[in-house]
PDB file of all heavy atoms in Angstrom:
ATOM      1  N   ILE A   1      -2.624   3.541   3.697  1.00  0.00           N
ATOM      2  CA  ILE A   1      -1.717   4.593   4.129  1.00  0.00           C
ATOM      3  C   ILE A   1      -1.458   4.385   5.612  1.00  0.00           C
ATOM      4  O   ILE A   1      -2.305   3.865   6.333  1.00  0.00           O
ATOM      5  CB  ILE A   1      -2.324   6.000   3.894  1.00  0.00           C
ATOM      6  CG1 ILE A   1      -2.803   6.167   2.448  1.00  0.00           C
ATOM      7  CG2 ILE A   1      -1.341   7.098   4.270  1.00  0.00           C
ATOM      8  CD1 ILE A   1      -4.290   5.956   2.277  1.00  0.00           C
ATOM      9  N   ARG A   2      -0.313   4.807   6.078  1.00  0.00           N
ATOM     10  CA  ARG A   2      -0.033   4.718   7.508  1.00  0.00           C
ATOM     11  C   ARG A   2       0.621   6.007   8.003  1.00  0.00           C
ATOM     12  O   ARG A   2       1.171   6.787   7.232  1.00  0.00           O
ATOM     13  CB  ARG A   2       0.862   3.519   7.837  1.00  0.00           C
ATOM     14  CG  ARG A   2       2.303   3.667   7.389  1.00  0.00           C
ATOM     15  CD  ARG A   2       3.093   2.408   7.698  1.00  0.00           C
ATOM     16  NE  ARG A   2       4.511   2.569   7.440  1.00  0.00           N
ATOM     17  CZ  ARG A   2       5.410   1.595   7.572  1.00  0.00           C
ATOM     18  NH1 ARG A   2       5.027   0.376   7.952  1.00  0.00           N
ATOM     19  NH2 ARG A   2       6.687   1.840   7.310  1.00  0.00           N
ATOM     20  N   GLN A   3       0.563   6.197   9.312  1.00  0.00           N
ATOM     21  CA  GLN A   3       1.187   7.345   9.936  1.00  0.00           C
ATOM     22  C   GLN A   3       1.896   6.902  11.207  1.00  0.00           C
ATOM     23  O   GLN A   3       1.244   6.648  12.231  1.00  0.00           O
ATOM     24  CB  GLN A   3       0.168   8.441  10.255  1.00  0.00           C
ATOM     25  CG  GLN A   3       0.804   9.716  10.797  1.00  0.00           C
ATOM     26  CD  GLN A   3      -0.167  10.877  10.856  1.00  0.00           C
ATOM     27  OE1 GLN A   3      -1.368  10.682  11.014  1.00  0.00           O
ATOM     28  NE2 GLN A   3       0.342  12.081  10.707  1.00  0.00           N
ATOM     29  N   PRO A   4       3.222   6.793  11.152  1.00  0.00           N
ATOM     30  CA  PRO A   4       3.965   6.462  12.372  1.00  0.00           C
ATOM     31  C   PRO A   4       3.839   7.588  13.387  1.00  0.00           C
ATOM     32  O   PRO A   4       3.575   8.745  13.024  1.00  0.00           O
ATOM     33  CB  PRO A   4       5.406   6.326  11.874  1.00  0.00           C
ATOM     34  CG  PRO A   4       5.287   6.103  10.399  1.00  0.00           C
ATOM     35  CD  PRO A   4       4.077   6.883   9.978  1.00  0.00           C
ATOM     36  N   PRO A   5       4.031   7.277  14.657  1.00  0.00           N
ATOM     37  CA  PRO A   5       3.902   8.327  15.685  1.00  0.00           C
ATOM     38  C   PRO A   5       4.874   9.473  15.434  1.00  0.00           C
ATOM     39  O   PRO A   5       6.062   9.253  15.201  1.00  0.00           O
ATOM     40  CB  PRO A   5       4.219   7.594  16.990  1.00  0.00           C
ATOM     41  CG  PRO A   5       4.920   6.346  16.588  1.00  0.00           C
ATOM     42  CD  PRO A   5       4.370   5.982  15.251  1.00  0.00           C
ATOM     43  N   GLY A   6       4.349  10.687  15.462  1.00  0.00           N
ATOM     44  CA  GLY A   6       5.165  11.867  15.280  1.00  0.00           C
ATOM     45  C   GLY A   6       5.631  12.125  13.863  1.00  0.00           C
ATOM     46  O   GLY A   6       6.440  13.032  13.645  1.00  0.00           O
ATOM     47  N   LYS A   7       5.144  11.352  12.898  1.00  0.00           N
ATOM     48  CA  LYS A   7       5.567  11.512  11.521  1.00  0.00           C
ATOM     49  C   LYS A   7       4.371  11.750  10.612  1.00  0.00           C
ATOM     50  O   LYS A   7       3.221  11.657  11.026  1.00  0.00           O
ATOM     51  CB  LYS A   7       6.346  10.277  11.055  1.00  0.00           C
ATOM     52  CG  LYS A   7       7.615  10.011  11.839  1.00  0.00           C
ATOM     53  CD  LYS A   7       8.332   8.772  11.352  1.00  0.00           C
ATOM     54  CE  LYS A   7       8.878   8.949   9.957  1.00  0.00           C
ATOM     55  NZ  LYS A   7       9.644   7.747   9.502  1.00  0.00           N
ATOM     56  N   GLY A   8       4.669  12.053   9.370  1.00  0.00           N
ATOM     57  CA  GLY A   8       3.631  12.294   8.400  1.00  0.00           C
ATOM     58  C   GLY A   8       3.069  11.022   7.796  1.00  0.00           C
ATOM     59  O   GLY A   8       3.483   9.910   8.115  1.00  0.00           O
ATOM     60  N   LEU A   9       2.130  11.202   6.902  1.00  0.00           N
ATOM     61  CA  LEU A   9       1.489  10.067   6.247  1.00  0.00           C
ATOM     62  C   LEU A   9       2.438   9.386   5.271  1.00  0.00           C
ATOM     63  O   LEU A   9       3.207  10.058   4.565  1.00  0.00           O
ATOM     64  CB  LEU A   9       0.237  10.535   5.511  1.00  0.00           C
ATOM     65  CG  LEU A   9      -0.891  11.098   6.373  1.00  0.00           C
ATOM     66  CD1 LEU A   9      -1.959  11.730   5.493  1.00  0.00           C
ATOM     67  CD2 LEU A   9      -1.500  10.007   7.244  1.00  0.00           C
ATOM     68  N   GLU A  10       2.388   8.077   5.232  1.00  0.00           N
ATOM     69  CA  GLU A  10       3.170   7.286   4.301  1.00  0.00           C
ATOM     70  C   GLU A  10       2.216   6.426   3.479  1.00  0.00           C
ATOM     71  O   GLU A  10       1.489   5.600   4.020  1.00  0.00           O
ATOM     72  CB  GLU A  10       4.159   6.382   5.033  1.00  0.00           C
ATOM     73  CG  GLU A  10       5.201   7.106   5.850  1.00  0.00           C
ATOM     74  CD  GLU A  10       6.121   6.156   6.597  1.00  0.00           C
ATOM     75  OE1 GLU A  10       5.880   4.937   6.561  1.00  0.00           O
ATOM     76  OE2 GLU A  10       7.096   6.645   7.206  1.00  0.00           O
ATOM     77  N   TRP A  11       2.264   6.599   2.174  1.00  0.00           N
ATOM     78  CA  TRP A  11       1.439   5.778   1.290  1.00  0.00           C
ATOM     79  C   TRP A  11       2.083   4.406   1.124  1.00  0.00           C
ATOM     80  O   TRP A  11       3.282   4.280   0.888  1.00  0.00           O
ATOM     81  CB  TRP A  11       1.296   6.462  -0.067  1.00  0.00           C
ATOM     82  CG  TRP A  11       0.509   5.686  -1.058  1.00  0.00           C
ATOM     83  CD1 TRP A  11      -0.847   5.522  -1.091  1.00  0.00           C
ATOM     84  CD2 TRP A  11       1.028   4.972  -2.182  1.00  0.00           C
ATOM     85  NE1 TRP A  11      -1.203   4.744  -2.171  1.00  0.00           N
ATOM     86  CE2 TRP A  11      -0.079   4.394  -2.858  1.00  0.00           C
ATOM     87  CE3 TRP A  11       2.300   4.771  -2.684  1.00  0.00           C
ATOM     88  CZ2 TRP A  11       0.073   3.626  -4.010  1.00  0.00           C
ATOM     89  CZ3 TRP A  11       2.454   4.005  -3.834  1.00  0.00           C
ATOM     90  CH2 TRP A  11       1.348   3.452  -4.483  1.00  0.00           C
ATOM     91  N   ILE A  12       1.294   3.363   1.248  1.00  0.00           N
ATOM     92  CA  ILE A  12       1.785   2.002   1.180  1.00  0.00           C
ATOM     93  C   ILE A  12       1.550   1.395  -0.210  1.00  0.00           C
ATOM     94  O   ILE A  12       2.448   0.787  -0.785  1.00  0.00           O
ATOM     95  CB  ILE A  12       1.111   1.123   2.244  1.00  0.00           C
ATOM     96  CG1 ILE A  12       1.454   1.637   3.641  1.00  0.00           C
ATOM     97  CG2 ILE A  12       1.521  -0.337   2.085  1.00  0.00           C
ATOM     98  CD1 ILE A  12       0.637   0.995   4.746  1.00  0.00           C
ATOM     99  N   GLY A  13       0.360   1.545  -0.724  1.00  0.00           N
ATOM    100  CA  GLY A  13       0.038   0.977  -2.017  1.00  0.00           C
ATOM    101  C   GLY A  13      -1.457   1.029  -2.269  1.00  0.00           C
ATOM    102  O   GLY A  13      -2.219   1.502  -1.436  1.00  0.00           O
ATOM    103  N   TYR A  14      -1.862   0.529  -3.435  1.00  0.00           N
ATOM    104  CA  TYR A  14      -3.276   0.499  -3.749  1.00  0.00           C
ATOM    105  C   TYR A  14      -3.646  -0.750  -4.530  1.00  0.00           C
ATOM    106  O   TYR A  14      -2.775  -1.422  -5.101  1.00  0.00           O
ATOM    107  CB  TYR A  14      -3.711   1.743  -4.532  1.00  0.00           C
ATOM    108  CG  TYR A  14      -3.279   1.801  -5.991  1.00  0.00           C
ATOM    109  CD1 TYR A  14      -3.868   0.995  -6.963  1.00  0.00           C
ATOM    110  CD2 TYR A  14      -2.293   2.707  -6.402  1.00  0.00           C
ATOM    111  CE1 TYR A  14      -3.473   1.074  -8.295  1.00  0.00           C
ATOM    112  CE2 TYR A  14      -1.902   2.783  -7.723  1.00  0.00           C
ATOM    113  CZ  TYR A  14      -2.499   1.961  -8.672  1.00  0.00           C
ATOM    114  OH  TYR A  14      -2.114   2.045  -9.992  1.00  0.00           O
ATOM    115  N   ILE A  15      -4.921  -1.018  -4.561  1.00  0.00           N
ATOM    116  CA  ILE A  15      -5.482  -2.018  -5.459  1.00  0.00           C
ATOM    117  C   ILE A  15      -6.577  -1.330  -6.253  1.00  0.00           C
ATOM    118  O   ILE A  15      -7.396  -0.595  -5.707  1.00  0.00           O
ATOM    119  CB  ILE A  15      -5.994  -3.266  -4.711  1.00  0.00           C
ATOM    120  CG1 ILE A  15      -6.413  -4.345  -5.705  1.00  0.00           C
ATOM    121  CG2 ILE A  15      -7.129  -2.929  -3.748  1.00  0.00           C
ATOM    122  CD1 ILE A  15      -6.553  -5.727  -5.069  1.00  0.00           C
ATOM    123  N   GLY A  16      -6.574  -1.547  -7.557  1.00  0.00           N
ATOM    124  CA  GLY A  16      -7.508  -0.892  -8.439  1.00  0.00           C
ATOM    125  C   GLY A  16      -8.753  -1.708  -8.704  1.00  0.00           C
ATOM    126  O   GLY A  16      -8.881  -2.863  -8.271  1.00  0.00           O
ATOM    127  N   TYR A  17      -9.644  -1.106  -9.454  1.00  0.00           N
ATOM    128  CA  TYR A  17     -10.933  -1.729  -9.746  1.00  0.00           C
ATOM    129  C   TYR A  17     -10.805  -3.068 -10.475  1.00  0.00           C
ATOM    130  O   TYR A  17     -11.686  -3.923 -10.361  1.00  0.00           O
ATOM    131  CB  TYR A  17     -11.775  -0.766 -10.578  1.00  0.00           C
ATOM    132  CG  TYR A  17     -11.163  -0.434 -11.914  1.00  0.00           C
ATOM    133  CD1 TYR A  17     -11.501  -1.155 -13.059  1.00  0.00           C
ATOM    134  CD2 TYR A  17     -10.248   0.605 -12.037  1.00  0.00           C
ATOM    135  CE1 TYR A  17     -10.934  -0.861 -14.280  1.00  0.00           C
ATOM    136  CE2 TYR A  17      -9.673   0.912 -13.256  1.00  0.00           C
ATOM    137  CZ  TYR A  17     -10.018   0.170 -14.380  1.00  0.00           C
ATOM    138  OH  TYR A  17      -9.451   0.467 -15.599  1.00  0.00           O
ATOM    139  N   SER A  18      -9.733  -3.241 -11.240  1.00  0.00           N
ATOM    140  CA  SER A  18      -9.513  -4.479 -11.980  1.00  0.00           C
ATOM    141  C   SER A  18      -8.708  -5.505 -11.189  1.00  0.00           C
ATOM    142  O   SER A  18      -8.508  -6.623 -11.656  1.00  0.00           O
ATOM    143  CB  SER A  18      -8.802  -4.190 -13.292  1.00  0.00           C
ATOM    144  OG  SER A  18      -7.480  -3.746 -13.058  1.00  0.00           O
ATOM    145  N   GLY A  19      -8.253  -5.116 -10.006  1.00  0.00           N
ATOM    146  CA  GLY A  19      -7.404  -5.987  -9.214  1.00  0.00           C
ATOM    147  C   GLY A  19      -5.932  -5.690  -9.343  1.00  0.00           C
ATOM    148  O   GLY A  19      -5.116  -6.344  -8.683  1.00  0.00           O
ATOM    149  N   SER A  20      -5.573  -4.732 -10.175  1.00  0.00           N
ATOM    150  CA  SER A  20      -4.175  -4.355 -10.311  1.00  0.00           C
ATOM    151  C   SER A  20      -3.671  -3.723  -9.028  1.00  0.00           C
ATOM    152  O   SER A  20      -4.430  -3.069  -8.302  1.00  0.00           O
ATOM    153  CB  SER A  20      -3.989  -3.397 -11.481  1.00  0.00           C
ATOM    154  OG  SER A  20      -4.715  -2.193 -11.261  1.00  0.00           O
ATOM    155  N   THR A  21      -2.402  -3.918  -8.746  1.00  0.00           N
ATOM    156  CA  THR A  21      -1.814  -3.381  -7.520  1.00  0.00           C
ATOM    157  C   THR A  21      -0.561  -2.588  -7.832  1.00  0.00           C
ATOM    158  O   THR A  21       0.116  -2.821  -8.837  1.00  0.00           O
ATOM    159  CB  THR A  21      -1.460  -4.493  -6.532  1.00  0.00           C
ATOM    160  OG1 THR A  21      -0.603  -5.456  -7.164  1.00  0.00           O
ATOM    161  CG2 THR A  21      -2.710  -5.188  -6.035  1.00  0.00           C
ATOM    162  N   TYR A  22      -0.256  -1.670  -6.945  1.00  0.00           N
ATOM    163  CA  TYR A  22       0.953  -0.884  -7.040  1.00  0.00           C
ATOM    164  C   TYR A  22       1.387  -0.549  -5.628  1.00  0.00           C
ATOM    165  O   TYR A  22       0.572  -0.147  -4.797  1.00  0.00           O
ATOM    166  CB  TYR A  22       0.729   0.391  -7.855  1.00  0.00           C
ATOM    167  CG  TYR A  22       2.009   1.121  -8.175  1.00  0.00           C
ATOM    168  CD1 TYR A  22       2.817   0.720  -9.220  1.00  0.00           C
ATOM    169  CD2 TYR A  22       2.410   2.215  -7.416  1.00  0.00           C
ATOM    170  CE1 TYR A  22       4.000   1.383  -9.507  1.00  0.00           C
ATOM    171  CE2 TYR A  22       3.595   2.884  -7.696  1.00  0.00           C
ATOM    172  CZ  TYR A  22       4.380   2.461  -8.750  1.00  0.00           C
ATOM    173  OH  TYR A  22       5.554   3.121  -9.036  1.00  0.00           O
ATOM    174  N   TYR A  23       2.688  -0.696  -5.364  1.00  0.00           N
ATOM    175  CA  TYR A  23       3.203  -0.530  -4.025  1.00  0.00           C
ATOM    176  C   TYR A  23       4.289   0.529  -3.967  1.00  0.00           C
ATOM    177  O   TYR A  23       5.014   0.745  -4.945  1.00  0.00           O
ATOM    178  CB  TYR A  23       3.777  -1.847  -3.505  1.00  0.00           C
ATOM    179  CG  TYR A  23       2.828  -3.018  -3.602  1.00  0.00           C
ATOM    180  CD1 TYR A  23       3.017  -4.020  -4.548  1.00  0.00           C
ATOM    181  CD2 TYR A  23       1.735  -3.111  -2.750  1.00  0.00           C
ATOM    182  CE1 TYR A  23       2.155  -5.089  -4.631  1.00  0.00           C
ATOM    183  CE2 TYR A  23       0.863  -4.172  -2.834  1.00  0.00           C
ATOM    184  CZ  TYR A  23       1.076  -5.168  -3.777  1.00  0.00           C
ATOM    185  OH  TYR A  23       0.201  -6.227  -3.848  1.00  0.00           O
ATOM    186  N   SER A  24       4.415   1.137  -2.809  1.00  0.00           N
ATOM    187  CA  SER A  24       5.549   2.011  -2.568  1.00  0.00           C
ATOM    188  C   SER A  24       6.829   1.201  -2.736  1.00  0.00           C
ATOM    189  O   SER A  24       6.959   0.135  -2.130  1.00  0.00           O
ATOM    190  CB  SER A  24       5.476   2.600  -1.157  1.00  0.00           C
ATOM    191  OG  SER A  24       6.678   3.254  -0.817  1.00  0.00           O
ATOM    192  N   PRO A  25       7.764   1.675  -3.547  1.00  0.00           N
ATOM    193  CA  PRO A  25       8.997   0.908  -3.768  1.00  0.00           C
ATOM    194  C   PRO A  25       9.743   0.565  -2.490  1.00  0.00           C
ATOM    195  O   PRO A  25      10.404  -0.481  -2.428  1.00  0.00           O
ATOM    196  CB  PRO A  25       9.830   1.824  -4.668  1.00  0.00           C
ATOM    197  CG  PRO A  25       8.816   2.654  -5.381  1.00  0.00           C
ATOM    198  CD  PRO A  25       7.733   2.895  -4.369  1.00  0.00           C
ATOM    199  N   SER A  26       9.663   1.406  -1.479  1.00  0.00           N
ATOM    200  CA  SER A  26      10.403   1.168  -0.251  1.00  0.00           C
ATOM    201  C   SER A  26       9.899  -0.020   0.541  1.00  0.00           C
ATOM    202  O   SER A  26      10.623  -0.559   1.374  1.00  0.00           O
ATOM    203  CB  SER A  26      10.382   2.428   0.623  1.00  0.00           C
ATOM    204  OG  SER A  26       9.053   2.747   1.014  1.00  0.00           O
ATOM    205  N   ARG A  27       8.699  -0.446   0.300  1.00  0.00           N
ATOM    206  CA  ARG A  27       8.101  -1.570   1.018  1.00  0.00           C
ATOM    207  C   ARG A  27       7.554  -2.650   0.104  1.00  0.00           C
ATOM    208  O   ARG A  27       6.896  -3.587   0.571  1.00  0.00           O
ATOM    209  CB  ARG A  27       6.990  -1.064   1.948  1.00  0.00           C
ATOM    210  CG  ARG A  27       7.516  -0.317   3.167  1.00  0.00           C
ATOM    211  CD  ARG A  27       6.384   0.373   3.916  1.00  0.00           C
ATOM    212  NE  ARG A  27       5.911   1.531   3.169  1.00  0.00           N
ATOM    213  CZ  ARG A  27       6.485   2.724   3.203  1.00  0.00           C
ATOM    214  NH1 ARG A  27       7.560   2.931   3.958  1.00  0.00           N
ATOM    215  NH2 ARG A  27       5.993   3.721   2.497  1.00  0.00           N
ATOM    216  N   LYS A  28       7.833  -2.554  -1.165  1.00  0.00           N
ATOM    217  CA  LYS A  28       7.258  -3.459  -2.158  1.00  0.00           C
ATOM    218  C   LYS A  28       7.553  -4.923  -1.869  1.00  0.00           C
ATOM    219  O   LYS A  28       6.671  -5.781  -2.034  1.00  0.00           O
ATOM    220  CB  LYS A  28       7.766  -3.087  -3.547  1.00  0.00           C
ATOM    221  CG  LYS A  28       7.217  -3.943  -4.663  1.00  0.00           C
ATOM    222  CD  LYS A  28       7.751  -3.482  -6.008  1.00  0.00           C
ATOM    223  CE  LYS A  28       7.209  -4.328  -7.139  1.00  0.00           C
ATOM    224  NZ  LYS A  28       7.726  -3.859  -8.450  1.00  0.00           N
ATOM    225  N   SER A  29       8.762  -5.223  -1.436  1.00  0.00           N
ATOM    226  CA  SER A  29       9.186  -6.610  -1.286  1.00  0.00           C
ATOM    227  C   SER A  29       8.446  -7.349  -0.187  1.00  0.00           C
ATOM    228  O   SER A  29       8.420  -8.579  -0.181  1.00  0.00           O
ATOM    229  CB  SER A  29      10.691  -6.673  -1.019  1.00  0.00           C
ATOM    230  OG  SER A  29      11.022  -6.042   0.196  1.00  0.00           O
ATOM    231  N   ARG A  30       7.846  -6.627   0.742  1.00  0.00           N
ATOM    232  CA  ARG A  30       7.168  -7.289   1.843  1.00  0.00           C
ATOM    233  C   ARG A  30       5.713  -6.856   1.990  1.00  0.00           C
ATOM    234  O   ARG A  30       5.107  -7.069   3.052  1.00  0.00           O
ATOM    235  CB  ARG A  30       7.919  -7.056   3.151  1.00  0.00           C
ATOM    236  CG  ARG A  30       8.075  -5.615   3.583  1.00  0.00           C
ATOM    237  CD  ARG A  30       9.046  -5.516   4.758  1.00  0.00           C
ATOM    238  NE  ARG A  30       9.117  -4.163   5.288  1.00  0.00           N
ATOM    239  CZ  ARG A  30       8.420  -3.719   6.330  1.00  0.00           C
ATOM    240  NH1 ARG A  30       7.591  -4.532   6.975  1.00  0.00           N
ATOM    241  NH2 ARG A  30       8.557  -2.470   6.741  1.00  0.00           N
ATOM    242  N   THR A  31       5.151  -6.280   0.965  1.00  0.00           N
ATOM    243  CA  THR A  31       3.784  -5.775   0.993  1.00  0.00           C
ATOM    244  C   THR A  31       2.921  -6.491  -0.037  1.00  0.00           C
ATOM    245  O   THR A  31       3.359  -6.716  -1.164  1.00  0.00           O
ATOM    246  CB  THR A  31       3.741  -4.264   0.718  1.00  0.00           C
ATOM    247  OG1 THR A  31       4.560  -3.579   1.672  1.00  0.00           O
ATOM    248  CG2 THR A  31       2.315  -3.742   0.813  1.00  0.00           C
ATOM    249  N   SER A  32       1.726  -6.836   0.369  1.00  0.00           N
ATOM    250  CA  SER A  32       0.769  -7.442  -0.543  1.00  0.00           C
ATOM    251  C   SER A  32      -0.627  -6.908  -0.249  1.00  0.00           C
ATOM    252  O   SER A  32      -1.066  -6.909   0.902  1.00  0.00           O
ATOM    253  CB  SER A  32       0.785  -8.962  -0.410  1.00  0.00           C
ATOM    254  OG  SER A  32      -0.169  -9.561  -1.273  1.00  0.00           O
ATOM    255  N   ILE A  33      -1.293  -6.431  -1.278  1.00  0.00           N
ATOM    256  CA  ILE A  33      -2.681  -5.985  -1.168  1.00  0.00           C
ATOM    257  C   ILE A  33      -3.533  -6.899  -2.036  1.00  0.00           C
ATOM    258  O   ILE A  33      -3.219  -7.138  -3.200  1.00  0.00           O
ATOM    259  CB  ILE A  33      -2.843  -4.517  -1.600  1.00  0.00           C
ATOM    260  CG1 ILE A  33      -1.991  -3.595  -0.713  1.00  0.00           C
ATOM    261  CG2 ILE A  33      -4.303  -4.092  -1.552  1.00  0.00           C
ATOM    262  CD1 ILE A  33      -1.967  -2.146  -1.158  1.00  0.00           C
ATOM    263  N   SER A  34      -4.592  -7.389  -1.460  1.00  0.00           N
ATOM    264  CA  SER A  34      -5.499  -8.271  -2.182  1.00  0.00           C
ATOM    265  C   SER A  34      -6.939  -7.872  -1.884  1.00  0.00           C
ATOM    266  O   SER A  34      -7.181  -6.921  -1.132  1.00  0.00           O
ATOM    267  CB  SER A  34      -5.247  -9.734  -1.810  1.00  0.00           C
ATOM    268  OG  SER A  34      -5.406  -9.939  -0.415  1.00  0.00           O
ATOM    269  N   ARG A  35      -7.884  -8.587  -2.487  1.00  0.00           N
ATOM    270  CA  ARG A  35      -9.274  -8.216  -2.279  1.00  0.00           C
ATOM    271  C   ARG A  35     -10.188  -9.414  -2.307  1.00  0.00           C
ATOM    272  O   ARG A  35      -9.842 -10.486  -2.829  1.00  0.00           O
ATOM    273  CB  ARG A  35      -9.719  -7.215  -3.353  1.00  0.00           C
ATOM    274  CG  ARG A  35      -9.736  -7.801  -4.762  1.00  0.00           C
ATOM    275  CD  ARG A  35     -10.169  -6.764  -5.766  1.00  0.00           C
ATOM    276  NE  ARG A  35     -10.287  -7.332  -7.112  1.00  0.00           N
ATOM    277  CZ  ARG A  35     -10.780  -6.688  -8.151  1.00  0.00           C
ATOM    278  NH1 ARG A  35     -11.214  -5.438  -8.016  1.00  0.00           N
ATOM    279  NH2 ARG A  35     -10.837  -7.286  -9.335  1.00  0.00           N
ATOM    280  N   ASP A  36     -11.346  -9.233  -1.740  1.00  0.00           N
ATOM    281  CA  ASP A  36     -12.427 -10.197  -1.803  1.00  0.00           C
ATOM    282  C   ASP A  36     -13.639  -9.432  -2.317  1.00  0.00           C
ATOM    283  O   ASP A  36     -14.306  -8.725  -1.555  1.00  0.00           O
ATOM    284  CB  ASP A  36     -12.694 -10.813  -0.434  1.00  0.00           C
ATOM    285  CG  ASP A  36     -13.741 -11.912  -0.477  1.00  0.00           C
ATOM    286  OD1 ASP A  36     -14.533 -11.958  -1.428  1.00  0.00           O
ATOM    287  OD2 ASP A  36     -13.754 -12.738   0.455  1.00  0.00           O
ATOM    288  N   THR A  37     -13.907  -9.546  -3.591  1.00  0.00           N
ATOM    289  CA  THR A  37     -14.975  -8.746  -4.200  1.00  0.00           C
ATOM    290  C   THR A  37     -16.353  -9.141  -3.694  1.00  0.00           C
ATOM    291  O   THR A  37     -17.257  -8.310  -3.660  1.00  0.00           O
ATOM    292  CB  THR A  37     -14.932  -8.858  -5.723  1.00  0.00           C
ATOM    293  OG1 THR A  37     -15.052 -10.229  -6.122  1.00  0.00           O
ATOM    294  CG2 THR A  37     -13.627  -8.299  -6.265  1.00  0.00           C
TER     295      THR A  37
END
């Protein structure tokens, strides 16, 4: 999640327990979440 100055919280995306990911559509094309278990 992020919070730009003077603005509210913006959810970016998540990674789940199985490694599945889901992104905010507004930033999906340039966002990647990964993990190192």
